[in-house]
Amino acid sequence: MKIVFNYKTGMPSVSLDIDEGLTVMEGARQEGVEGIVAECGGGAICGTCHVIVDSEWFDRCGPLDPTEEVLLGLNPERAATSRLACQIEAGPELDGISVTVPENQV
């Protein structure tokens, strides 16, 4: 599955392929994508894998669970299409997804 990571800081975009079943966060960490801190390793308890999903892809990512909603609510860079990358599982419906990495992770 292809994922495109864009940056608010103006850094060049990064495109990578990850295996189905991995999360966007796991794929980003495996490939060393800058800006995805993921301090908790994917447990949805730190909020440091925040990404802003391009609007055309947002509804395909599935619903936010209550914990994710709380963590994103604490983030000053939250957008209407914010998600935690650890909660987005790679699958064929997301092939080509584009996300933006915010300037700072909380």
Protein backbone atom coordinates (compact mmCIF):
# COMPACT_ATOMS: atom_id res chain seq x y z
CA MET A 1 0.00 0.00 0.00
CA LYS A 2 1.34 3.43 -0.93
CA ILE A 3 1.36 6.31 1.57
CA VAL A 4 2.47 9.87 0.87
CA PHE A 5 3.73 11.93 3.81
CA ASN A 6 3.65 15.71 3.28
CA TYR A 7 5.17 18.25 5.65
CA LYS A 8 3.90 21.62 6.87
CA THR A 9 7.53 22.67 7.28
CA GLY A 10 8.15 22.60 3.54
CA MET A 11 10.31 19.47 3.57
CA PRO A 12 9.95 17.32 0.44
CA SER A 13 7.17 14.74 0.53
CA VAL A 14 8.04 11.11 1.26
CA SER A 15 6.30 8.26 -0.53
CA LEU A 16 6.56 4.70 0.70
CA ASP A 17 4.97 1.29 0.33
CA ILE A 18 3.94 -0.67 3.40
CA ASP A 19 2.42 -4.09 3.87
CA GLU A 20 -1.30 -4.49 4.43
CA GLY A 21 -2.14 -5.02 8.07
CA LEU A 22 0.51 -2.63 9.36
CA THR A 23 -0.55 0.75 10.65
CA VAL A 24 0.55 3.98 8.99
CA MET A 25 2.67 4.63 12.11
CA GLU A 26 4.39 1.23 11.88
CA GLY A 27 5.21 1.79 8.23
CA ALA A 28 6.53 5.28 8.95
CA ARG A 29 8.77 4.02 11.75
CA GLN A 30 10.11 1.13 9.66
CA GLU A 31 11.08 3.55 6.92
CA GLY A 32 12.36 6.31 9.23
CA VAL A 33 9.80 8.93 8.22
CA GLU A 34 10.71 12.17 9.97
CA GLY A 35 8.14 13.72 12.31
CA ILE A 36 6.37 10.52 13.38
CA VAL A 37 7.66 10.23 16.95
CA ALA A 38 5.37 7.45 18.21
CA GLU A 39 6.71 7.49 21.78
CA CYS A 40 4.28 4.80 22.96
CA GLY A 41 4.98 2.47 20.04
CA GLY A 42 1.42 2.40 18.78
CA GLY A 43 -0.62 2.08 21.96
CA ALA A 44 -2.70 5.20 21.28
CA ILE A 45 -1.67 6.72 24.60
CA CYS A 46 0.80 9.47 23.66
CA GLY A 47 -0.55 11.30 20.60
CA THR A 48 2.90 11.71 19.02
CA CYS A 49 1.99 10.09 15.71
CA HIS A 50 -0.56 12.77 14.80
CA VAL A 51 -1.17 13.19 11.07
CA ILE A 52 -3.66 15.25 9.12
CA VAL A 53 -5.35 13.02 6.57
CA ASP A 54 -6.17 14.61 3.23
CA SER A 55 -9.94 15.14 3.20
CA GLU A 56 -10.62 12.77 0.29
CA TRP A 57 -9.16 9.89 2.37
CA PHE A 58 -10.49 10.73 5.82
CA ASP A 59 -13.77 8.79 5.73
CA ARG A 60 -11.97 5.65 4.51
CA CYS A 61 -9.84 5.56 7.69
CA GLY A 62 -12.68 4.35 9.90
CA PRO A 63 -14.13 6.02 12.98
CA LEU A 64 -12.11 7.58 15.80
CA ASP A 65 -12.33 5.71 19.07
CA PRO A 66 -12.88 7.69 22.31
CA THR A 67 -9.22 7.51 23.39
CA GLU A 68 -8.01 8.84 20.05
CA GLU A 69 -10.58 11.64 20.23
CA VAL A 70 -9.30 12.70 23.68
CA LEU A 71 -5.64 12.66 22.62
CA LEU A 72 -6.33 14.65 19.47
CA GLY A 73 -8.38 17.12 21.52
CA LEU A 74 -5.24 18.00 23.46
CA ASN A 75 -3.27 18.81 20.31
CA PRO A 76 -3.10 22.50 19.35
CA GLU A 77 -2.44 21.55 15.70
CA ARG A 78 -5.55 19.38 15.44
CA ALA A 79 -7.47 19.74 12.20
CA ALA A 80 -10.88 18.46 11.16
CA THR A 81 -9.21 15.46 9.51
CA SER A 82 -6.60 14.69 12.20
CA ARG A 83 -5.91 11.09 13.14
CA LEU A 84 -3.29 9.13 15.04
CA ALA A 85 -1.20 7.19 12.52
CA CYS A 86 -1.18 4.20 14.91
CA GLN A 87 -4.94 3.90 14.46
CA ILE A 88 -4.96 3.81 10.64
CA GLU A 89 -4.50 0.26 9.38
CA ALA A 90 -3.12 -0.24 5.87
CA GLY A 91 -5.53 -1.87 3.47
CA PRO A 92 -6.48 -1.72 -0.21
CA GLU A 93 -9.06 1.02 0.41
CA LEU A 94 -6.24 3.33 1.55
CA ASP A 95 -3.75 2.63 -1.24
CA GLY A 96 -2.37 6.05 -2.22
CA ILE A 97 -3.44 7.84 0.98
CA SER A 98 -1.88 11.24 1.56
CA VAL A 99 -1.27 12.64 5.04
CA THR A 100 0.44 15.74 6.38
CA VAL A 101 2.82 15.59 9.32
CA PRO A 102 2.35 18.64 11.58
CA GLU A 103 5.27 20.85 12.58
CA ASN A 104 5.21 19.56 16.16
CA GLN A 105 4.04 16.42 17.93
CA VAL A 106 2.59 16.89 21.41
